[in-house]
């Protein structure tokens, strides 16, 4: 498995970030999940300056979400931003969020940005380790449930809607052992039940994000919808606010030396949603870094990576199908269209 060297990461973080990509989004509907703070908020603010028909901030906390809508309007003058509540820690919230899109005329850009990175294990009311549920299962479920609306939008308007899944270069330092992939109970169940994986669960979740992106892109290969994943870089982040001890000190100095601002990191998300328009097909399933497709870790690529991808996809569909009965029908619909 190829890993990026420490030097390559430092070099990447010290490079000047290119300016934000822009486009005319007139009439289009943009959804940014996890938009009340950090790179999600900054990406939403960039989209607001491109005149979208509607900008939806999908947030867990109503008070913080409303404040974000107000801040965007104040900063940009855009009045078409609205809050939709979405708690990725609750599958019922995910299903309700998708239900609300039935009457929406279109969906052009879906940015799946929300994520958490705790070091302590917490199990949700749904019975899943919180990071695995928020970063992977619910992120995947939102994307799959909204896929028909994106495909419908593409056909109606002759466009290439996009799903952007925020991953990380940290996936280079993660892998999932064969004994887990081949366990008869399924890899997601095994990952969920192992309390000793928390120290690298965040990296693992970002690895799973890329596998999912490549699988969904393959499923939608005969449609105009583009699915890609993106590395926003190492940015100042509220995600590390609860760190203590050595970890807190490490990130304090690392941020001082290397971190981009949230606004700089958000430019990567915007590029993944709008960039590469000259040849969008090369972005199908792509891993975006520095505003261009980049090879992911060797663990993901090649014949071995494809086998792992297929195992994880089959198990993910199995798990999500138990959570929301619409999933198998959506997957079958686009599988049969190949």
Protein backbone atom coordinates (compact mmCIF):
# COMPACT_ATOMS: atom_id res chain seq x y z
CA UNK A 1 0.00 0.00 0.00
CA UNK A 2 1.54 3.28 -1.10
CA UNK A 3 1.69 5.90 1.59
CA UNK A 4 2.39 9.54 1.08
CA UNK A 5 5.61 10.53 2.74
CA UNK A 6 5.63 13.09 5.52
CA UNK A 7 7.67 15.36 3.27
CA UNK A 8 5.12 15.16 0.44
CA UNK A 9 2.35 16.12 2.85
CA UNK A 10 4.37 19.08 4.17
CA UNK A 11 5.15 20.17 0.61
CA UNK A 12 1.46 19.90 -0.29
CA UNK A 13 0.40 21.98 2.70
CA UNK A 14 3.03 24.67 2.10
CA UNK A 15 1.97 25.18 -1.51
CA UNK A 16 -0.13 28.16 -2.48
CA UNK A 17 -3.79 27.24 -2.85
CA UNK A 18 -5.23 28.14 -6.28
CA UNK A 19 -8.16 30.59 -6.34
CA UNK A 20 -11.68 29.28 -6.02
CA UNK A 21 -13.40 27.87 -9.12
CA UNK A 22 -16.48 29.81 -10.19
CA UNK A 23 -19.52 29.12 -12.36
CA UNK A 24 -22.96 30.51 -13.04
CA UNK A 25 -25.34 28.39 -10.97
CA UNK A 26 -28.50 30.24 -11.99
CA UNK A 27 -31.55 28.05 -11.40
CA UNK A 28 -29.54 25.23 -9.84
CA UNK A 29 -30.08 23.65 -6.42
CA UNK A 30 -27.01 23.08 -4.27
CA UNK A 31 -26.93 21.09 -1.02
CA UNK A 32 -24.01 21.29 1.40
CA UNK A 33 -24.16 18.83 4.30
CA UNK A 34 -22.40 20.02 7.43
CA UNK A 35 -22.56 23.64 6.32
CA UNK A 36 -22.74 25.55 9.58
CA UNK A 37 -18.99 25.64 10.26
CA UNK A 38 -15.53 25.07 8.80
CA UNK A 39 -14.94 24.08 5.18
CA UNK A 40 -18.64 23.28 4.70
CA UNK A 41 -19.69 26.79 5.64
CA UNK A 42 -16.98 28.36 3.49
CA UNK A 43 -17.96 26.20 0.50
CA UNK A 44 -21.61 27.20 0.96
CA UNK A 45 -20.55 30.83 1.04
CA UNK A 46 -18.67 30.40 -2.24
CA UNK A 47 -21.71 28.75 -3.86
CA UNK A 48 -23.92 31.60 -2.60
CA UNK A 49 -21.80 34.04 -4.62
CA UNK A 50 -22.54 32.09 -7.83
CA UNK A 51 -26.27 32.92 -7.92
CA UNK A 52 -27.80 29.44 -7.38
CA UNK A 53 -31.55 29.04 -7.57
CA UNK A 54 -31.50 27.50 -4.10
CA UNK A 55 -28.77 26.79 -1.57
CA UNK A 56 -29.63 24.26 1.12
CA UNK A 57 -27.53 24.08 4.26
CA UNK A 58 -28.07 20.64 5.79
CA UNK A 59 -27.13 20.87 9.47
CA UNK A 60 -27.69 18.87 12.64
CA UNK A 61 -28.20 21.85 14.95
CA UNK A 62 -31.08 24.22 14.17
CA UNK A 63 -29.67 27.20 16.05
CA UNK A 64 -26.23 26.94 14.44
CA UNK A 65 -27.79 26.26 11.04
CA UNK A 66 -29.97 29.36 11.20
CA UNK A 67 -26.97 31.42 12.25
CA UNK A 68 -25.02 30.11 9.25
CA UNK A 69 -27.84 31.05 6.86
CA UNK A 70 -27.86 34.56 8.34
CA UNK A 71 -24.08 34.88 8.09
CA UNK A 72 -24.12 33.84 4.43
CA UNK A 73 -26.82 36.35 3.59
CA UNK A 74 -24.94 39.08 5.43
CA UNK A 75 -21.61 38.24 3.76
CA UNK A 76 -22.86 37.68 0.20
CA UNK A 77 -26.27 39.35 -0.08
CA UNK A 78 -27.69 36.04 -1.32
CA UNK A 79 -31.21 35.45 -0.02
CA UNK A 80 -31.85 31.97 -1.43
CA UNK A 81 -30.12 30.01 1.34
CA UNK A 82 -32.26 27.84 3.60
CA UNK A 83 -31.73 25.41 6.44
CA UNK A 84 -32.75 21.74 6.35
CA UNK A 85 -32.16 19.66 9.46
CA UNK A 86 -30.07 16.53 8.98
CA UNK A 87 -28.49 14.50 11.77
CA UNK A 88 -26.25 11.82 10.29
CA UNK A 89 -26.14 10.19 13.72
CA UNK A 90 -29.79 9.17 13.27
CA UNK A 91 -30.91 7.07 10.31
CA UNK A 92 -34.47 8.32 10.79
CA UNK A 93 -33.22 11.87 10.16
CA UNK A 94 -31.47 10.76 6.98
CA UNK A 95 -34.62 9.11 5.63
CA UNK A 96 -36.73 12.15 6.53
CA UNK A 97 -34.23 14.47 4.83
CA UNK A 98 -34.46 12.40 1.63
CA UNK A 99 -38.27 12.31 1.88
CA UNK A 100 -38.34 16.10 1.81
CA UNK A 101 -36.73 16.08 -1.64
CA UNK A 102 -39.64 14.32 -3.33
CA UNK A 103 -41.25 17.64 -4.21
CA UNK A 104 -38.04 19.47 -5.11
CA UNK A 105 -37.89 20.24 -8.86
CA UNK A 106 -34.15 19.55 -9.11
CA UNK A 107 -30.87 18.77 -7.36
CA UNK A 108 -27.63 19.71 -9.10
CA UNK A 109 -24.85 19.55 -6.53
CA UNK A 110 -24.70 17.45 -3.36
CA UNK A 111 -21.65 18.01 -1.15
CA UNK A 112 -21.38 15.36 1.56
CA UNK A 113 -19.06 17.19 3.90
CA UNK A 114 -20.17 16.36 7.45
CA UNK A 115 -17.81 14.21 9.44
CA UNK A 116 -16.54 13.55 12.93
CA UNK A 117 -13.23 12.26 14.29
CA UNK A 118 -13.51 11.28 17.95
CA UNK A 119 -10.93 9.05 19.62
CA UNK A 120 -13.39 7.61 22.13
CA UNK A 121 -16.02 5.07 21.19
CA UNK A 122 -19.66 6.13 21.26
CA UNK A 123 -22.55 4.01 20.01
CA UNK A 124 -25.61 5.73 18.50
CA UNK A 125 -29.21 4.88 19.26
CA UNK A 126 -29.16 2.95 15.96
CA UNK A 127 -26.49 0.62 17.39
CA UNK A 128 -23.52 1.77 15.31
CA UNK A 129 -20.22 3.29 16.35
CA UNK A 130 -20.78 7.00 15.78
CA UNK A 131 -17.90 7.70 13.36
CA UNK A 132 -18.79 4.72 11.19
CA UNK A 133 -22.44 5.79 11.07
CA UNK A 134 -21.88 9.51 10.45
CA UNK A 135 -18.88 9.42 8.12
CA UNK A 136 -19.79 6.30 6.15
CA UNK A 137 -23.21 4.68 6.52
CA UNK A 138 -25.31 7.85 6.68
CA UNK A 139 -23.15 9.69 4.15
CA UNK A 140 -23.64 6.77 1.76
CA UNK A 141 -27.35 6.54 2.52
CA UNK A 142 -28.02 10.22 1.78
CA UNK A 143 -26.11 9.92 -1.49
CA UNK A 144 -27.97 6.80 -2.63
CA UNK A 145 -31.43 8.06 -1.64
CA UNK A 146 -30.93 11.34 -3.53
CA UNK A 147 -29.43 9.69 -6.61
CA UNK A 148 -32.77 9.41 -8.49
CA UNK A 149 -33.36 13.16 -8.07
CA UNK A 150 -29.89 13.93 -9.45
CA UNK A 151 -30.43 11.62 -12.43
CA UNK A 152 -33.84 13.15 -13.06
CA UNK A 153 -32.27 16.63 -12.98
CA UNK A 154 -29.63 15.56 -15.49
CA UNK A 155 -32.22 14.26 -17.94
CA UNK A 156 -34.53 17.23 -17.58
CA UNK A 157 -31.88 19.93 -17.90
CA UNK A 158 -29.16 18.21 -19.94
CA UNK A 159 -26.57 18.72 -17.19
CA UNK A 160 -24.01 16.70 -15.24
CA UNK A 161 -25.05 16.92 -11.57
CA UNK A 162 -22.43 15.94 -9.03
CA UNK A 163 -22.10 14.17 -5.72
CA UNK A 164 -18.97 15.19 -3.84
CA UNK A 165 -17.86 13.05 -0.89
CA UNK A 166 -15.26 14.67 1.35
CA UNK A 167 -12.45 12.24 2.12
CA UNK A 168 -8.86 12.87 3.20
CA UNK A 169 -5.24 12.10 2.36
CA UNK A 170 -5.23 10.27 5.68
CA UNK A 171 -6.72 7.29 3.85
CA UNK A 172 -3.14 6.55 2.76
CA UNK A 173 -2.39 5.43 6.32
CA UNK A 174 -5.30 3.00 6.59
CA UNK A 175 -6.25 -0.47 5.42
CA UNK A 176 -8.85 -3.11 6.18
CA UNK A 177 -7.48 -6.60 6.74
CA UNK A 178 -8.63 -9.55 4.61
CA UNK A 179 -9.94 -11.37 7.68
CA UNK A 180 -12.37 -8.47 8.20
CA UNK A 181 -13.35 -8.23 4.53
CA UNK A 182 -14.01 -11.97 4.37
CA UNK A 183 -15.76 -12.38 7.70
CA UNK A 184 -19.16 -14.07 7.19
CA UNK A 185 -20.91 -11.48 9.36
CA UNK A 186 -19.77 -8.74 6.94
CA UNK A 187 -16.99 -6.16 7.21
CA UNK A 188 -19.20 -3.32 8.47
CA UNK A 189 -20.48 -5.42 11.36
CA UNK A 190 -16.92 -6.42 12.26
CA UNK A 191 -15.66 -2.84 12.12
CA UNK A 192 -18.60 -1.75 14.22
CA UNK A 193 -17.99 -4.30 16.96
CA UNK A 194 -14.22 -3.80 17.39
CA UNK A 195 -13.49 -1.21 20.13
CA UNK A 196 -9.74 -1.35 19.47
CA UNK A 197 -9.93 0.37 16.08
CA UNK A 198 -10.87 3.83 17.39
CA UNK A 199 -7.34 5.20 17.21
CA UNK A 200 -7.46 4.91 13.44
CA UNK A 201 -11.21 4.93 12.85
CA UNK A 202 -11.22 8.41 11.26
CA UNK A 203 -8.59 7.38 8.67
CA UNK A 204 -10.51 4.16 8.09
CA UNK A 205 -13.74 6.08 7.53
CA UNK A 206 -12.04 8.20 4.88
CA UNK A 207 -10.76 5.05 3.15
CA UNK A 208 -14.32 3.72 3.12
CA UNK A 209 -15.49 7.05 1.64
CA UNK A 210 -13.28 6.53 -1.41
CA UNK A 211 -14.33 2.92 -1.90
CA UNK A 212 -17.98 4.05 -1.73
CA UNK A 213 -17.41 6.90 -4.19
CA UNK A 214 -15.87 4.55 -6.73
CA UNK A 215 -18.71 2.04 -6.33
CA UNK A 216 -21.46 4.63 -6.68
CA UNK A 217 -19.71 6.17 -9.68
CA UNK A 218 -19.59 2.72 -11.28
CA UNK A 219 -23.29 2.18 -10.56
CA UNK A 220 -24.11 5.52 -12.22
CA UNK A 221 -21.67 5.14 -15.11
CA UNK A 222 -24.45 5.09 -17.70
CA UNK A 223 -26.00 8.31 -16.32
CA UNK A 224 -24.77 11.91 -16.58
CA UNK A 225 -24.27 12.10 -12.79
CA UNK A 226 -20.64 12.49 -11.66
CA UNK A 227 -19.53 11.13 -8.28
CA UNK A 228 -16.10 12.04 -6.91
CA UNK A 229 -14.28 12.30 -3.59
CA UNK A 230 -12.04 15.13 -2.46
CA UNK A 231 -9.14 15.80 -0.12
CA UNK A 232 -9.63 19.27 1.42
CA UNK A 233 -6.15 19.26 2.92
CA UNK A 234 -5.16 19.82 6.54
CA UNK A 235 -7.16 22.83 7.69
CA UNK A 236 -7.94 24.63 10.91
CA UNK A 237 -10.92 22.68 12.21
CA UNK A 238 -13.43 22.57 15.04
CA UNK A 239 -13.16 18.77 14.82
CA UNK A 240 -10.06 18.91 17.02
CA UNK A 241 -11.54 21.15 19.71
CA UNK A 242 -11.95 18.28 22.20
CA UNK A 243 -8.40 16.95 21.93
CA UNK A 244 -6.29 16.91 25.07
CA UNK A 245 -2.73 16.05 26.09
CA UNK A 246 -0.13 15.11 23.48
CA UNK A 247 -2.62 15.05 20.60
CA UNK A 248 -3.80 18.57 21.41
CA UNK A 249 -0.22 19.87 21.54
CA UNK A 250 0.72 18.12 18.30
CA UNK A 251 -2.18 19.63 16.36
CA UNK A 252 -1.66 23.05 17.93
CA UNK A 253 1.84 23.27 16.47
CA UNK A 254 0.93 21.42 13.27
CA UNK A 255 -1.84 23.91 12.59
CA UNK A 256 0.52 26.83 13.17
CA UNK A 257 3.03 25.39 10.71
CA UNK A 258 0.93 23.68 8.06
CA UNK A 259 -2.82 24.23 8.24
CA UNK A 260 -4.78 25.98 5.57
CA UNK A 261 -7.68 28.18 6.53
CA UNK A 262 -11.15 26.65 6.24
CA UNK A 263 -11.76 28.94 3.27
CA UNK A 264 -8.66 27.60 1.47
CA UNK A 265 -9.74 24.01 2.13
CA UNK A 266 -13.24 24.77 0.88
CA UNK A 267 -11.85 25.67 -2.53
CA UNK A 268 -11.06 21.98 -3.03
CA UNK A 269 -14.72 21.07 -2.38
CA UNK A 270 -15.91 23.70 -4.84
CA UNK A 271 -13.52 22.42 -7.51
CA UNK A 272 -14.77 18.86 -7.00
CA UNK A 273 -18.30 20.19 -7.53
CA UNK A 274 -17.60 22.46 -10.50
CA UNK A 275 -14.12 21.91 -11.94
CA UNK A 276 -12.89 19.84 -14.86
CA UNK A 277 -15.87 20.76 -17.01
CA UNK A 278 -13.91 20.17 -20.21
CA UNK A 279 -13.81 16.42 -19.59
CA UNK A 280 -16.17 15.49 -16.77
CA UNK A 281 -15.98 11.75 -17.47
CA UNK A 282 -12.44 11.65 -16.09
CA UNK A 283 -13.92 12.73 -12.74
CA UNK A 284 -16.15 9.65 -12.42
CA UNK A 285 -15.06 7.98 -9.20
CA UNK A 286 -12.00 10.23 -9.08
CA UNK A 287 -10.11 11.17 -5.95
CA UNK A 288 -9.55 14.95 -6.16
CA UNK A 289 -6.53 16.59 -4.55
CA UNK A 290 -5.04 19.99 -5.38
CA UNK A 291 -7.92 20.60 -7.76
CA UNK A 292 -7.13 17.62 -10.00
CA UNK A 293 -7.68 13.86 -10.04
CA UNK A 294 -4.94 11.99 -8.17
CA UNK A 295 -4.22 8.31 -7.64
CA UNK A 296 -5.52 7.09 -4.29
CA UNK A 297 -3.59 4.61 -2.14
CA UNK A 298 -2.50 1.35 -3.80
CA UNK A 299 -4.82 -0.46 -1.37
CA UNK A 300 -7.73 1.01 -3.37
CA UNK A 301 -6.30 0.71 -6.87
CA UNK A 302 -5.70 -2.27 -9.13
CA UNK A 303 -7.31 -5.69 -9.18
CA UNK A 304 -6.93 -6.19 -5.43
CA UNK A 305 -8.54 -2.84 -4.73
CA UNK A 306 -11.46 -3.66 -7.01
CA UNK A 307 -12.10 -6.93 -5.15
CA UNK A 308 -12.10 -5.09 -1.81
CA UNK A 309 -14.37 -2.43 -3.29
CA UNK A 310 -16.90 -5.01 -4.48
CA UNK A 311 -16.96 -6.76 -1.09
CA UNK A 312 -17.49 -3.49 0.76
CA UNK A 313 -20.16 -2.31 -1.68
CA UNK A 314 -22.17 -5.53 -1.43
CA UNK A 315 -22.04 -5.40 2.37
CA UNK A 316 -22.88 -1.68 2.45
CA UNK A 317 -25.96 -2.24 0.28
CA UNK A 318 -26.99 -5.12 2.53
CA UNK A 319 -26.69 -2.95 5.67
CA UNK A 320 -28.37 0.11 4.17
CA UNK A 321 -31.20 -1.98 2.70
CA UNK A 322 -32.16 -3.00 6.24
CA UNK A 323 -32.15 0.66 7.29
CA UNK A 324 -34.18 2.10 4.41
CA UNK A 325 -36.27 -0.09 2.11
CA UNK A 326 -35.73 2.21 -0.87
CA UNK A 327 -32.06 1.32 -1.20
CA UNK A 328 -32.32 -2.05 -3.02
CA UNK A 329 -34.77 -0.64 -5.56
CA UNK A 330 -32.48 2.30 -6.35
CA UNK A 331 -29.44 0.05 -6.69
CA UNK A 332 -31.34 -2.44 -8.87
CA UNK A 333 -32.68 0.38 -11.06
CA UNK A 334 -29.24 1.61 -12.03
CA UNK A 335 -27.62 -1.82 -12.09
CA UNK A 336 -30.14 -2.93 -14.71
CA UNK A 337 -29.51 0.20 -16.80
CA UNK A 338 -25.88 -0.78 -17.44
